[in-house]
C-alpha atoms as a PDB file:
ATOM      1  CA  MET A   1     106.792 119.870 117.218  1.00  0.00           C
ATOM      2  CA  SER A   2     107.901 120.054 113.563  1.00  0.00           C
ATOM      3  CA  LEU A   3     109.632 117.119 111.861  1.00  0.00           C
ATOM      4  CA  LEU A   4     112.194 119.705 110.672  1.00  0.00           C
ATOM      5  CA  ASN A   5     113.542 119.784 114.268  1.00  0.00           C
ATOM      6  CA  GLN A   6     114.223 116.025 114.052  1.00  0.00           C
ATOM      7  CA  PRO A   7     116.300 115.530 110.941  1.00  0.00           C
ATOM      8  CA  ARG A   8     116.920 111.828 111.407  1.00  0.00           C
ATOM      9  CA  LEU A   9     113.235 111.159 111.923  1.00  0.00           C
ATOM     10  CA  LEU A  10     112.389 113.221 108.846  1.00  0.00           C
ATOM     11  CA  GLU A  11     114.928 111.243 106.770  1.00  0.00           C
ATOM     12  CA  LYS A  12     113.352 107.911 107.804  1.00  0.00           C
ATOM     13  CA  PHE A  13     109.793 109.178 107.340  1.00  0.00           C
ATOM     14  CA  ARG A  14     110.527 110.380 103.831  1.00  0.00           C
ATOM     15  CA  SER A  15     112.071 106.982 103.030  1.00  0.00           C
ATOM     16  CA  PHE A  16     108.887 105.202 104.275  1.00  0.00           C
ATOM     17  CA  HIS A  17     106.660 107.568 102.309  1.00  0.00           C
ATOM     18  CA  SER A  18     108.668 107.040  99.130  1.00  0.00           C
ATOM     19  CA  TYR A  19     108.582 103.247  99.514  1.00  0.00           C
ATOM     20  CA  VAL A  20     104.839 103.184 100.047  1.00  0.00           C
ATOM     21  CA  ARG A  21     104.202 105.501  97.089  1.00  0.00           C
ATOM     22  CA  LYS A  22     106.373 103.408  94.754  1.00  0.00           C
ATOM     23  CA  ASN A  23     104.778 100.192  96.045  1.00  0.00           C
ATOM     24  CA  ASN A  24     101.289 101.151  94.963  1.00  0.00           C
ATOM     25  CA  GLY A  25     100.286 102.396  98.414  1.00  0.00           C
ATOM     26  CA  GLN A  26     101.213  99.105 100.113  1.00  0.00           C
ATOM     27  CA  ILE A  27     103.597  98.573 103.059  1.00  0.00           C
ATOM     28  CA  GLY A  28     105.318  95.538 101.638  1.00  0.00           C
ATOM     29  CA  THR A  29     108.388  94.606 103.694  1.00  0.00           C
ATOM     30  CA  LYS A  30     109.239  98.115 104.792  1.00  0.00           C
ATOM     31  CA  GLN A  31     109.942  98.337 108.553  1.00  0.00           C
ATOM     32  CA  ARG A  32     107.779 100.888 110.270  1.00  0.00           C
ATOM     33  CA  GLY A  33     107.704 100.609 114.053  1.00  0.00           C
ATOM     34  CA  ILE A  34     108.628  99.038 117.353  1.00  0.00           C
ATOM     35  CA  ASP A  35     105.932  98.326 119.927  1.00  0.00           C
ATOM     36  CA  LEU A  36     107.784  97.954 123.182  1.00  0.00           C
ATOM     37  CA  ASN A  37     106.077  96.392 126.202  1.00  0.00           C
ATOM     38  CA  PHE A  38     108.648  97.362 128.745  1.00  0.00           C
ATOM     39  CA  ASN A  39     106.730  96.107 131.714  1.00  0.00           C
ATOM     40  CA  ASN A  40     103.243  94.588 132.043  1.00  0.00           C
ATOM     41  CA  ALA A  41     102.109  95.821 135.468  1.00  0.00           C
ATOM     42  CA  CYS A  42      98.699  97.536 135.298  1.00  0.00           C
ATOM     43  CA  ASN A  43      96.257  99.379 137.578  1.00  0.00           C
ATOM     44  CA  LEU A  44      93.047  98.441 135.673  1.00  0.00           C
ATOM     45  CA  ARG A  45      91.341  95.166 134.812  1.00  0.00           C
ATOM     46  CA  CYS A  46      89.999  95.565 131.297  1.00  0.00           C
ATOM     47  CA  ASP A  47      87.610  92.876 130.060  1.00  0.00           C
ATOM     48  CA  TYR A  48      89.363  92.465 126.699  1.00  0.00           C
ATOM     49  CA  CYS A  49      93.044  93.033 127.589  1.00  0.00           C
ATOM     50  CA  PHE A  50      95.195  91.409 124.933  1.00  0.00           C
ATOM     51  CA  THR A  51      98.243  91.159 127.284  1.00  0.00           C
ATOM     52  CA  ASN A  52      96.447  89.344 130.128  1.00  0.00           C
ATOM     53  CA  SER A  53      98.009  91.843 132.487  1.00  0.00           C
ATOM     54  CA  PRO A  54      95.124  91.778 135.014  1.00  0.00           C
ATOM     55  CA  LYS A  55      96.166  88.175 135.884  1.00  0.00           C
ATOM     56  CA  GLY A  56      99.428  89.495 137.214  1.00  0.00           C
ATOM     57  CA  ASP A  57     101.510  87.268 134.926  1.00  0.00           C
ATOM     58  CA  HIS A  58     105.122  88.354 134.639  1.00  0.00           C
ATOM     59  CA  VAL A  59     104.583  91.848 136.082  1.00  0.00           C
ATOM     60  CA  LYS A  60     108.044  91.690 137.689  1.00  0.00           C
ATOM     61  CA  GLU A  61     109.892  91.186 134.408  1.00  0.00           C
ATOM     62  CA  GLU A  62     111.191  94.209 132.584  1.00  0.00           C
ATOM     63  CA  LEU A  63     113.758  94.817 129.883  1.00  0.00           C
ATOM     64  CA  PRO A  64     117.116  96.199 131.064  1.00  0.00           C
ATOM     65  CA  ILE A  65     117.753  99.812 130.147  1.00  0.00           C
ATOM     66  CA  ASP A  66     120.934  98.921 128.186  1.00  0.00           C
ATOM     67  CA  LEU A  67     118.921  96.435 126.120  1.00  0.00           C
ATOM     68  CA  VAL A  68     116.271  99.043 125.433  1.00  0.00           C
ATOM     69  CA  ALA A  69     118.991 101.400 124.184  1.00  0.00           C
ATOM     70  CA  ASP A  70     120.400  98.633 121.949  1.00  0.00           C
ATOM     71  CA  ILE A  71     116.925  97.862 120.550  1.00  0.00           C
ATOM     72  CA  ALA A  72     116.518 101.523 119.717  1.00  0.00           C
ATOM     73  CA  ASN A  73     119.887 101.736 118.017  1.00  0.00           C
ATOM     74  CA  GLN A  74     119.119  98.661 115.942  1.00  0.00           C
ATOM     75  CA  ALA A  75     115.688 100.051 115.064  1.00  0.00           C
ATOM     76  CA  ASP A  76     117.211 103.316 113.905  1.00  0.00           C
ATOM     77  CA  GLU A  77     119.717 101.421 111.683  1.00  0.00           C
ATOM     78  CA  LEU A  78     116.817  99.556 110.092  1.00  0.00           C
ATOM     79  CA  GLY A  79     115.105 102.847 109.249  1.00  0.00           C
ATOM     80  CA  ILE A  80     112.293 102.323 111.754  1.00  0.00           C
ATOM     81  CA  PHE A  81     110.717 105.695 112.514  1.00  0.00           C
ATOM     82  CA  GLU A  82     107.922 104.921 115.009  1.00  0.00           C
ATOM     83  CA  PHE A  83     108.528 103.805 118.602  1.00  0.00           C
ATOM     84  CA  ASP A  84     105.471 103.002 120.734  1.00  0.00           C
ATOM     85  CA  LEU A  85     105.926 102.336 124.436  1.00  0.00           C
ATOM     86  CA  GLN A  86     103.132 100.081 125.852  1.00  0.00           C
ATOM     87  CA  GLY A  87     102.197  98.099 128.909  1.00  0.00           C
ATOM     88  CA  GLY A  88     100.551  97.313 131.166  1.00  0.00           C
ATOM     89  CA  GLU A  89     100.441 100.881 132.359  1.00  0.00           C
ATOM     90  CA  LEU A  90     103.783 102.576 132.110  1.00  0.00           C
ATOM     91  CA  LEU A  91     102.822 105.569 134.249  1.00  0.00           C
ATOM     92  CA  LEU A  92     102.717 103.339 137.315  1.00  0.00           C
ATOM     93  CA  ARG A  93     106.510 103.752 137.425  1.00  0.00           C
ATOM     94  CA  PRO A  94     107.244 107.179 136.015  1.00  0.00           C
ATOM     95  CA  ASN A  95     110.935 107.274 137.009  1.00  0.00           C
ATOM     96  CA  LYS A  96     111.612 104.084 135.141  1.00  0.00           C
ATOM     97  CA  LEU A  97     109.583 105.325 132.181  1.00  0.00           C
ATOM     98  CA  PHE A  98     111.749 108.407 131.834  1.00  0.00           C
ATOM     99  CA  GLU A  99     114.910 106.234 132.033  1.00  0.00           C
ATOM    100  CA  VAL A 100     113.518 104.278 129.093  1.00  0.00           C
ATOM    101  CA  LEU A 101     112.657 107.445 127.201  1.00  0.00           C
ATOM    102  CA  GLU A 102     116.170 108.780 127.603  1.00  0.00           C
ATOM    103  CA  ALA A 103     117.695 105.419 126.549  1.00  0.00           C
ATOM    104  CA  ILE A 104     115.678 105.448 123.280  1.00  0.00           C
ATOM    105  CA  GLN A 105     117.063 108.891 122.295  1.00  0.00           C
ATOM    106  CA  PRO A 106     113.668 110.154 121.217  1.00  0.00           C
ATOM    107  CA  GLU A 107     114.943 112.767 118.770  1.00  0.00           C
ATOM    108  CA  ARG A 108     115.463 109.896 116.300  1.00  0.00           C
ATOM    109  CA  PHE A 109     111.883 108.601 116.403  1.00  0.00           C
ATOM    110  CA  TYR A 110     108.204 109.527 116.305  1.00  0.00           C
ATOM    111  CA  LEU A 111     107.890 108.542 119.921  1.00  0.00           C
ATOM    112  CA  TYR A 112     104.580 107.841 121.600  1.00  0.00           C
ATOM    113  CA  LEU A 113     102.997 105.820 124.302  1.00  0.00           C
ATOM    114  CA  THR A 114      99.736 104.137 125.012  1.00  0.00           C
ATOM    115  CA  THR A 115      97.996 104.633 128.393  1.00  0.00           C
ATOM    116  CA  ASN A 116      94.657 104.237 130.116  1.00  0.00           C
ATOM    117  CA  GLY A 117      95.064 107.833 131.240  1.00  0.00           C
ATOM    118  CA  TYR A 118      94.264 107.191 134.917  1.00  0.00           C
ATOM    119  CA  LEU A 119      97.576 108.627 136.158  1.00  0.00           C
ATOM    120  CA  LEU A 120      98.132 111.264 133.509  1.00  0.00           C
ATOM    121  CA  ASP A 121      97.615 114.663 135.099  1.00  0.00           C
ATOM    122  CA  GLY A 122      98.791 118.073 133.897  1.00  0.00           C
ATOM    123  CA  LYS A 123     102.230 117.740 135.539  1.00  0.00           C
ATOM    124  CA  MET A 124     102.838 114.336 133.957  1.00  0.00           C
ATOM    125  CA  ALA A 125     101.749 115.658 130.556  1.00  0.00           C
ATOM    126  CA  LYS A 126     104.320 118.492 130.823  1.00  0.00           C
ATOM    127  CA  CYS A 127     107.056 115.976 131.773  1.00  0.00           C
ATOM    128  CA  LEU A 128     106.234 113.812 128.778  1.00  0.00           C
ATOM    129  CA  ALA A 129     106.354 116.859 126.476  1.00  0.00           C
ATOM    130  CA  ASP A 130     109.720 117.815 127.893  1.00  0.00           C
ATOM    131  CA  ALA A 131     110.908 114.243 127.199  1.00  0.00           C
ATOM    132  CA  LYS A 132     110.014 114.729 123.472  1.00  0.00           C
ATOM    133  CA  VAL A 133     107.031 112.401 123.428  1.00  0.00           C
ATOM    134  CA  ARG A 134     105.102 113.489 120.347  1.00  0.00           C
ATOM    135  CA  ARG A 135     101.848 111.591 120.833  1.00  0.00           C
ATOM    136  CA  VAL A 136      99.944 109.772 123.546  1.00  0.00           C
ATOM    137  CA  SER A 137      97.089 107.356 122.860  1.00  0.00           C
ATOM    138  CA  VAL A 138      94.435 107.238 125.607  1.00  0.00           C
ATOM    139  CA  SER A 139      91.924 104.389 125.466  1.00  0.00           C
ATOM    140  CA  ILE A 140      88.202 105.302 125.652  1.00  0.00           C
ATOM    141  CA  ASP A 141      85.581 102.566 125.502  1.00  0.00           C
ATOM    142  CA  SER A 142      82.371 104.568 125.525  1.00  0.00           C
ATOM    143  CA  MET A 143      80.874 108.004 125.822  1.00  0.00           C
ATOM    144  CA  ASP A 144      78.936 106.483 128.661  1.00  0.00           C
ATOM    145  CA  GLU A 145      80.992 106.868 131.807  1.00  0.00           C
ATOM    146  CA  LYS A 146      79.457 103.822 133.507  1.00  0.00           C
ATOM    147  CA  VAL A 147      80.087 101.554 130.507  1.00  0.00           C
ATOM    148  CA  HIS A 148      83.727 102.589 130.283  1.00  0.00           C
ATOM    149  CA  ASP A 149      84.321 102.148 133.989  1.00  0.00           C
ATOM    150  CA  GLU A 150      82.681  98.724 133.963  1.00  0.00           C
ATOM    151  CA  VAL A 151      84.887  97.577 131.070  1.00  0.00           C
ATOM    152  CA  ARG A 152      87.956  98.997 132.786  1.00  0.00           C
ATOM    153  CA  GLY A 153      87.120  97.555 136.192  1.00  0.00           C
ATOM    154  CA  ARG A 154      87.623 100.796 138.085  1.00  0.00           C
ATOM    155  CA  LYS A 155      85.212 103.603 138.881  1.00  0.00           C
ATOM    156  CA  GLY A 156      86.407 107.008 137.822  1.00  0.00           C
ATOM    157  CA  SER A 157      88.579 105.788 134.991  1.00  0.00           C
ATOM    158  CA  TRP A 158      86.461 107.442 132.303  1.00  0.00           C
ATOM    159  CA  GLY A 159      86.782 110.860 133.878  1.00  0.00           C
ATOM    160  CA  ARG A 160      90.519 110.478 134.340  1.00  0.00           C
ATOM    161  CA  ALA A 161      90.985 109.369 130.743  1.00  0.00           C
ATOM    162  CA  MET A 162      88.988 112.317 129.381  1.00  0.00           C
ATOM    163  CA  GLU A 163      90.974 114.748 131.502  1.00  0.00           C
ATOM    164  CA  ALA A 164      94.199 113.173 130.345  1.00  0.00           C
ATOM    165  CA  LEU A 165      93.411 113.935 126.677  1.00  0.00           C
ATOM    166  CA  GLU A 166      92.914 117.602 127.524  1.00  0.00           C
ATOM    167  CA  HIS A 167      96.124 117.733 129.541  1.00  0.00           C
ATOM    168  CA  LEU A 168      98.004 116.360 126.513  1.00  0.00           C
ATOM    169  CA  LYS A 169      96.400 118.887 124.217  1.00  0.00           C
ATOM    170  CA  ASN A 170      97.350 121.738 126.572  1.00  0.00           C
ATOM    171  CA  VAL A 171     101.058 120.913 126.455  1.00  0.00           C
ATOM    172  CA  GLY A 172     101.269 120.353 122.672  1.00  0.00           C
ATOM    173  CA  ILE A 173     101.356 116.572 122.609  1.00  0.00           C
ATOM    174  CA  ASP A 174      99.146 114.994 119.947  1.00  0.00           C
ATOM    175  CA  PRO A 175      96.170 113.411 121.803  1.00  0.00           C
ATOM    176  CA  TYR A 176      94.906 110.215 120.244  1.00  0.00           C
ATOM    177  CA  LEU A 177      91.589 108.840 121.373  1.00  0.00           C
ATOM    178  CA  ASN A 178      92.029 105.109 121.104  1.00  0.00           C
ATOM    179  CA  ILE A 179      88.910 103.004 120.346  1.00  0.00           C
ATOM    180  CA  THR A 180      88.564  99.243 120.160  1.00  0.00           C
ATOM    181  CA  VAL A 181      85.882  98.264 117.610  1.00  0.00           C
ATOM    182  CA  GLY A 182      84.353  94.824 117.364  1.00  0.00           C
ATOM    183  CA  HIS A 183      81.225  93.281 115.885  1.00  0.00           C
ATOM    184  CA  TYR A 184      79.424  94.248 119.093  1.00  0.00           C
ATOM    185  CA  ASN A 185      79.782  98.053 118.556  1.00  0.00           C
ATOM    186  CA  ALA A 186      80.707  98.724 114.902  1.00  0.00           C
ATOM    187  CA  PHE A 187      77.227 100.066 114.117  1.00  0.00           C
ATOM    188  CA  SER A 188      76.450 101.520 117.538  1.00  0.00           C
ATOM    189  CA  GLU A 189      75.475 105.074 118.201  1.00  0.00           C
ATOM    190  CA  ASP A 190      78.094 105.120 120.889  1.00  0.00           C
ATOM    191  CA  LEU A 191      80.880 104.640 118.338  1.00  0.00           C
ATOM    192  CA  GLU A 192      79.527 107.500 116.221  1.00  0.00           C
ATOM    193  CA  LEU A 193      79.374 109.707 119.329  1.00  0.00           C
ATOM    194  CA  LEU A 194      82.986 108.863 120.236  1.00  0.00           C
ATOM    195  CA  CYS A 195      84.182 109.673 116.722  1.00  0.00           C
ATOM    196  CA  GLN A 196      82.287 112.939 116.673  1.00  0.00           C
ATOM    197  CA  TYR A 197      83.538 113.910 120.079  1.00  0.00           C
ATOM    198  CA  SER A 198      87.165 113.214 119.105  1.00  0.00           C
ATOM    199  CA  GLN A 199      86.799 115.325 115.966  1.00  0.00           C
ATOM    200  CA  ASP A 200      85.097 118.198 117.829  1.00  0.00           C
ATOM    201  CA  GLN A 201      87.906 118.284 120.385  1.00  0.00           C
ATOM    202  CA  GLY A 202      90.637 118.300 117.783  1.00  0.00           C
ATOM    203  CA  TYR A 203      92.002 114.869 118.660  1.00  0.00           C
ATOM    204  CA  THR A 204      92.980 112.072 116.312  1.00  0.00           C
ATOM    205  CA  THR A 205      90.942 108.906 116.556  1.00  0.00           C
ATOM    206  CA  LEU A 206      92.926 105.644 116.445  1.00  0.00           C
ATOM    207  CA  ILE A 207      90.875 102.508 115.844  1.00  0.00           C
ATOM    208  CA  ASN A 208      92.026  99.058 116.732  1.00  0.00           C
ATOM    209  CA  VAL A 209      89.753  96.108 115.897  1.00  0.00           C
ATOM    210  CA  ALA A 210      88.904  93.566 118.609  1.00  0.00           C
ATOM    211  CA  THR A 211      91.015  90.420 118.483  1.00  0.00           C
ATOM    212  CA  PRO A 212      90.275  86.996 120.038  1.00  0.00           C
ATOM    213  CA  GLY A 213      93.413  86.883 122.174  1.00  0.00           C
ATOM    214  CA  GLY A 214      94.444  87.620 125.746  1.00  0.00           C
ATOM    215  CA  MET A 215      91.413  87.970 127.974  1.00  0.00           C
ATOM    216  CA  ALA A 216      89.183  87.411 124.947  1.00  0.00           C
ATOM    217  CA  GLN A 217      90.943  84.273 123.750  1.00  0.00           C
ATOM    218  CA  ASN A 218      88.902  82.195 121.284  1.00  0.00           C
ATOM    219  CA  HIS A 219      85.967  84.618 121.352  1.00  0.00           C
ATOM    220  CA  THR A 220      85.744  85.030 117.558  1.00  0.00           C
ATOM    221  CA  GLU A 221      82.271  86.495 117.889  1.00  0.00           C
ATOM    222  CA  ILE A 222      83.876  89.848 118.814  1.00  0.00           C
ATOM    223  CA  MET A 223      85.721  90.083 115.443  1.00  0.00           C
ATOM    224  CA  VAL A 224      84.489  92.545 112.859  1.00  0.00           C
ATOM    225  CA  ASP A 225      82.937  91.143 109.647  1.00  0.00           C
ATOM    226  CA  GLU A 226      82.895  92.608 106.160  1.00  0.00           C
ATOM    227  CA  LYS A 227      80.008  94.965 106.888  1.00  0.00           C
ATOM    228  CA  ASP A 228      81.696  96.188 110.069  1.00  0.00           C
ATOM    229  CA  SER A 229      84.970  96.885 108.199  1.00  0.00           C
ATOM    230  CA  ALA A 230      83.019  98.753 105.526  1.00  0.00           C
ATOM    231  CA  ARG A 231      81.394 100.775 108.279  1.00  0.00           C
ATOM    232  CA  LEU A 232      84.845 101.836 109.504  1.00  0.00           C
ATOM    233  CA  ILE A 233      85.718 103.072 106.034  1.00  0.00           C
ATOM    234  CA  GLU A 234      82.525 105.119 106.039  1.00  0.00           C
ATOM    235  CA  LEU A 235      83.530 106.687 109.333  1.00  0.00           C
ATOM    236  CA  ARG A 236      87.040 107.323 107.976  1.00  0.00           C
ATOM    237  CA  LYS A 237      85.647 109.282 105.060  1.00  0.00           C
ATOM    238  CA  LYS A 238      83.197 111.163 107.195  1.00  0.00           C
ATOM    239  CA  HIS A 239      85.491 112.287 110.024  1.00  0.00           C
ATOM    240  CA  LYS A 240      88.923 112.507 108.291  1.00  0.00           C
ATOM    241  CA  ASN A 241      90.762 112.325 111.616  1.00  0.00           C
ATOM    242  CA  ILE A 242      90.390 108.553 112.007  1.00  0.00           C
ATOM    243  CA  LEU A 243      93.409 106.269 111.572  1.00  0.00           C
ATOM    244  CA  ARG A 244      94.104 102.524 111.515  1.00  0.00           C
ATOM    245  CA  ASN A 245      97.584 101.113 111.130  1.00  0.00           C
ATOM    246  CA  LEU A 246      96.062  99.030 108.351  1.00  0.00           C
ATOM    247  CA  TRP A 247      95.160 102.078 106.263  1.00  0.00           C
ATOM    248  CA  ASN A 248      97.383 104.205 104.035  1.00  0.00           C
ATOM    249  CA  PRO A 249      97.959 107.430 105.992  1.00  0.00           C
ATOM    250  CA  PHE A 250      99.012 109.258 102.827  1.00  0.00           C
ATOM    251  CA  ASP A 251      95.826 108.572 100.909  1.00  0.00           C
ATOM    252  CA  ARG A 252      93.706 111.676 100.728  1.00  0.00           C
ATOM    253  CA  GLU A 253      90.760 109.773  99.201  1.00  0.00           C
ATOM    254  CA  TYR A 254      90.601 107.807 102.493  1.00  0.00           C
ATOM    255  CA  GLU A 255      90.212 104.481 100.673  1.00  0.00           C
ATOM    256  CA  GLN A 256      93.594 102.793 100.279  1.00  0.00           C
ATOM    257  CA  VAL A 257      94.634  99.930 102.586  1.00  0.00           C
ATOM    258  CA  LEU A 258      98.332  99.912 103.446  1.00  0.00           C
ATOM    259  CA  GLY A 259      98.127  96.270 104.444  1.00  0.00           C
ATOM    260  CA  CYS A 260      98.457  94.257 107.611  1.00  0.00           C
ATOM    261  CA  ASN A 261     101.420  95.499 109.624  1.00  0.00           C
ATOM    262  CA  THR A 262     102.701  92.132 110.906  1.00  0.00           C
ATOM    263  CA  VAL A 263     106.535  92.224 111.188  1.00  0.00           C
ATOM    264  CA  ASN A 264     106.458  95.814 109.829  1.00  0.00           C
ATOM    265  CA  ARG A 265     105.743  96.653 113.445  1.00  0.00           C
ATOM    266  CA  LEU A 266     107.642  94.350 115.790  1.00  0.00           C
ATOM    267  CA  TYR A 267     106.228  93.749 119.240  1.00  0.00           C
ATOM    268  CA  VAL A 268     108.782  93.186 121.997  1.00  0.00           C
ATOM    269  CA  THR A 269     107.661  91.686 125.314  1.00  0.00           C
ATOM    270  CA  PRO A 270     109.246  92.200 128.755  1.00  0.00           C
ATOM    271  CA  LEU A 271     110.769  88.744 128.276  1.00  0.00           C
ATOM    272  CA  GLY A 272     112.531  89.859 125.117  1.00  0.00           C
ATOM    273  CA  ASP A 273     110.341  87.744 122.802  1.00  0.00           C
ATOM    274  CA  VAL A 274     109.483  89.389 119.547  1.00  0.00           C
ATOM    275  CA  LEU A 275     106.030  88.756 118.137  1.00  0.00           C
ATOM    276  CA  ALA A 276     104.766  89.423 114.634  1.00  0.00           C
ATOM    277  CA  CYS A 277     102.467  92.115 116.167  1.00  0.00           C
ATOM    278  CA  PRO A 278     100.832  92.805 119.523  1.00  0.00           C
ATOM    279  CA  TYR A 279      97.783  90.771 118.646  1.00  0.00           C
ATOM    280  CA  VAL A 280      99.340  87.838 116.847  1.00  0.00           C
ATOM    281  CA  HIS A 281     100.939  85.928 119.663  1.00  0.00           C
ATOM    282  CA  ILE A 282     103.399  84.058 117.449  1.00  0.00           C
ATOM    283  CA  LYS A 283     107.049  84.362 118.355  1.00  0.00           C
ATOM    284  CA  ILE A 284     109.549  85.070 115.581  1.00  0.00           C
ATOM    285  CA  GLY A 285     112.612  85.657 117.740  1.00  0.00           C
ATOM    286  CA  ASN A 286     114.062  87.001 120.916  1.00  0.00           C
ATOM    287  CA  VAL A 287     116.196  90.203 121.357  1.00  0.00           C
ATOM    288  CA  TYR A 288     118.469  88.433 123.807  1.00  0.00           C
ATOM    289  CA  GLU A 289     119.367  85.904 121.104  1.00  0.00           C
ATOM    290  CA  GLN A 290     119.082  87.602 117.694  1.00  0.00           C
ATOM    291  CA  SER A 291     119.372  91.023 116.125  1.00  0.00           C
ATOM    292  CA  LEU A 292     116.234  92.862 114.998  1.00  0.00           C
ATOM    293  CA  LYS A 293     117.391  92.391 111.375  1.00  0.00           C
ATOM    294  CA  GLU A 294     117.659  88.630 111.821  1.00  0.00           C
ATOM    295  CA  ILE A 295     114.245  88.492 113.467  1.00  0.00           C
ATOM    296  CA  SER A 296     112.673  90.684 110.800  1.00  0.00           C
ATOM    297  CA  ASP A 297     114.167  88.650 107.953  1.00  0.00           C
ATOM    298  CA  TYR A 298     112.858  85.441 109.549  1.00  0.00           C
ATOM    299  CA  GLY A 299     109.431  87.023 110.086  1.00  0.00           C
ATOM    300  CA  PHE A 300     109.187  88.136 106.470  1.00  0.00           C
ATOM    301  CA  SER A 301     110.193  84.669 105.301  1.00  0.00           C
ATOM    302  CA  ILE A 302     106.696  83.590 106.464  1.00  0.00           C
ATOM    303  CA  LYS A 303     104.292  84.087 103.571  1.00  0.00           C
ATOM    304  CA  HIS A 304     101.404  85.146 105.832  1.00  0.00           C
ATOM    305  CA  PHE A 305     103.440  88.054 107.087  1.00  0.00           C
ATOM    306  CA  ARG A 306     105.283  88.860 103.891  1.00  0.00           C
ATOM    307  CA  ASN A 307     102.412  88.805 101.410  1.00  0.00           C
ATOM    308  CA  TYR A 308      99.953  91.719 101.196  1.00  0.00           C
ATOM    309  CA  SER A 309      96.711  91.357 103.151  1.00  0.00           C
ATOM    310  CA  ASP A 310      93.952  93.973 103.176  1.00  0.00           C
ATOM    311  CA  LEU A 311      92.686  92.397 106.376  1.00  0.00           C
ATOM    312  CA  CYS A 312      94.059  92.603 109.930  1.00  0.00           C
ATOM    313  CA  LEU A 313      95.225  88.981 110.331  1.00  0.00           C
ATOM    314  CA  ALA A 314      94.322  88.883 114.079  1.00  0.00           C
ATOM    315  CA  GLY A 315      91.105  90.875 113.915  1.00  0.00           C
ATOM    316  CA  GLU A 316      89.502  90.277 110.472  1.00  0.00           C
ATOM    317  CA  ASP A 317      91.036  87.150 108.911  1.00  0.00           C
ATOM    318  CA  ARG A 318      88.991  84.350 110.413  1.00  0.00           C
ATOM    319  CA  GLU A 319      90.848  81.626 108.517  1.00  0.00           C
ATOM    320  CA  PHE A 320      94.205  82.784 109.809  1.00  0.00           C
ATOM    321  CA  VAL A 321      92.868  83.035 113.366  1.00  0.00           C
ATOM    322  CA  SER A 322      91.255  79.583 113.379  1.00  0.00           C
ATOM    323  CA  LYS A 323      94.272  77.939 111.842  1.00  0.00           C
ATOM    324  CA  HIS A 324      97.128  79.616 113.719  1.00  0.00           C
ATOM    325  CA  MET A 325      95.874  81.434 116.823  1.00  0.00           C
ATOM    326  CA  PHE A 326      93.828  78.876 118.700  1.00  0.00           C
ATOM    327  CA  ARG A 327      96.600  77.332 120.762  1.00  0.00           C
ATOM    328  CA  GLU A 328      95.772  76.566 124.448  1.00  0.00           C
ATOM    329  CA  GLY A 329      97.285  79.146 126.781  1.00  0.00           C
ATOM    330  CA  GLN A 330      98.712  81.234 123.921  1.00  0.00           C
ATOM    331  CA  THR A 331      99.508  84.742 125.269  1.00  0.00           C
ATOM    332  CA  ILE A 332     102.214  87.362 124.799  1.00  0.00           C
ATOM    333  CA  PHE A 333     104.137  85.587 127.650  1.00  0.00           C
ATOM    334  CA  ASN A 334     103.503  82.123 126.265  1.00  0.00           C
ATOM    335  CA  PRO A 335     103.524  82.664 122.499  1.00  0.00           C
ATOM    336  CA  SER A 336     103.595  79.829 119.978  1.00  0.00           C
ATOM    337  CA  TYR A 337     106.887  79.684 118.150  1.00  0.00           C
ATOM    338  CA  ALA A 338     106.490  80.290 114.399  1.00  0.00           C
ATOM    339  CA  LYS A 339     108.401  77.131 113.504  1.00  0.00           C
ATOM    340  CA  ASP A 340     105.869  75.091 115.506  1.00  0.00           C
ATOM    341  CA  ILE A 341     102.862  76.847 113.975  1.00  0.00           C
ATOM    342  CA  PHE A 342     103.684  77.012 110.271  1.00  0.00           C
ATOM    343  CA  THR A 343     104.636  74.262 107.812  1.00  0.00           C
ATOM    344  CA  ASP A 344     107.387  74.344 105.149  1.00  0.00           C
ATOM    345  CA  GLU A 345     104.807  75.515 102.647  1.00  0.00           C
ATOM    346  CA  ASP A 346     104.194  78.627 104.743  1.00  0.00           C
ATOM    347  CA  PHE A 347     107.796  79.828 104.297  1.00  0.00           C
ATOM    348  CA  GLU A 348     109.298  81.567 101.256  1.00  0.00           C
END
């Protein structure tokens, strides 16, 4: 689907591109996306789940449709061009998912969703395409079926996920092969095989670095180090189809770092809490109580989120993690409030 068919999206995308170019390839305080966790119910039990969804916490809560529509309207007014629907696993309740998609008015956004792929067959892929979903990220943990299924806690999940990527490709949705990379696999042959497979199939590879939150809370040993991060840059240059939100997508030398996307991408939970990002479980507001602009302005008043960082705060910045993310019981449903985490010196 061409951006020319979505004039409002094209307008916002051009504004973002112009801002980044004028800001020396850095994201600054330009709003980019909404990550919306509409409901946290899930059908798998992944070892490293950052939402803690396998525990069954808060799976009954969900955002009202009228509030979703309001969030989308506010996001559009702020110039936000990306809208990512997350879970949990949204395909567990397809009727509700399509209500959400309609409420968002997808013609205004680069709309995508993240899934484990288990329930995504050819018919569902066609329905998503008809609903103007442009991209779907499917998480793959290994080219070894047994390893993937063990991590996901369900036999057959690897095969379903691989089939889902092909179903998406067949209906014209951009298939993204989503890989989590930590210190444990950054130099593994398996990672290279995954990247090569994704390139050969014509997919885009989306890399997220492992973070010590959710099911992996306090496990800093999984975080990538400098050598691991350099390895990811090597893979980026080699395969060309690899993306990270941290990287500048407009850089054809495949070297520039856009900067950590905290607050640039707001994460909204089923309780309405807004976190600085999906992996930084620090609350900066609530959509039931404040507007997105008020929440964003508050978030950017915090120096850690406003100032440029070439590191992912949650996955690479060990100092930030040790100082601000090691709170007992800290999850997306029990986030630490920013005012209780940061001191006066941390605010602009």
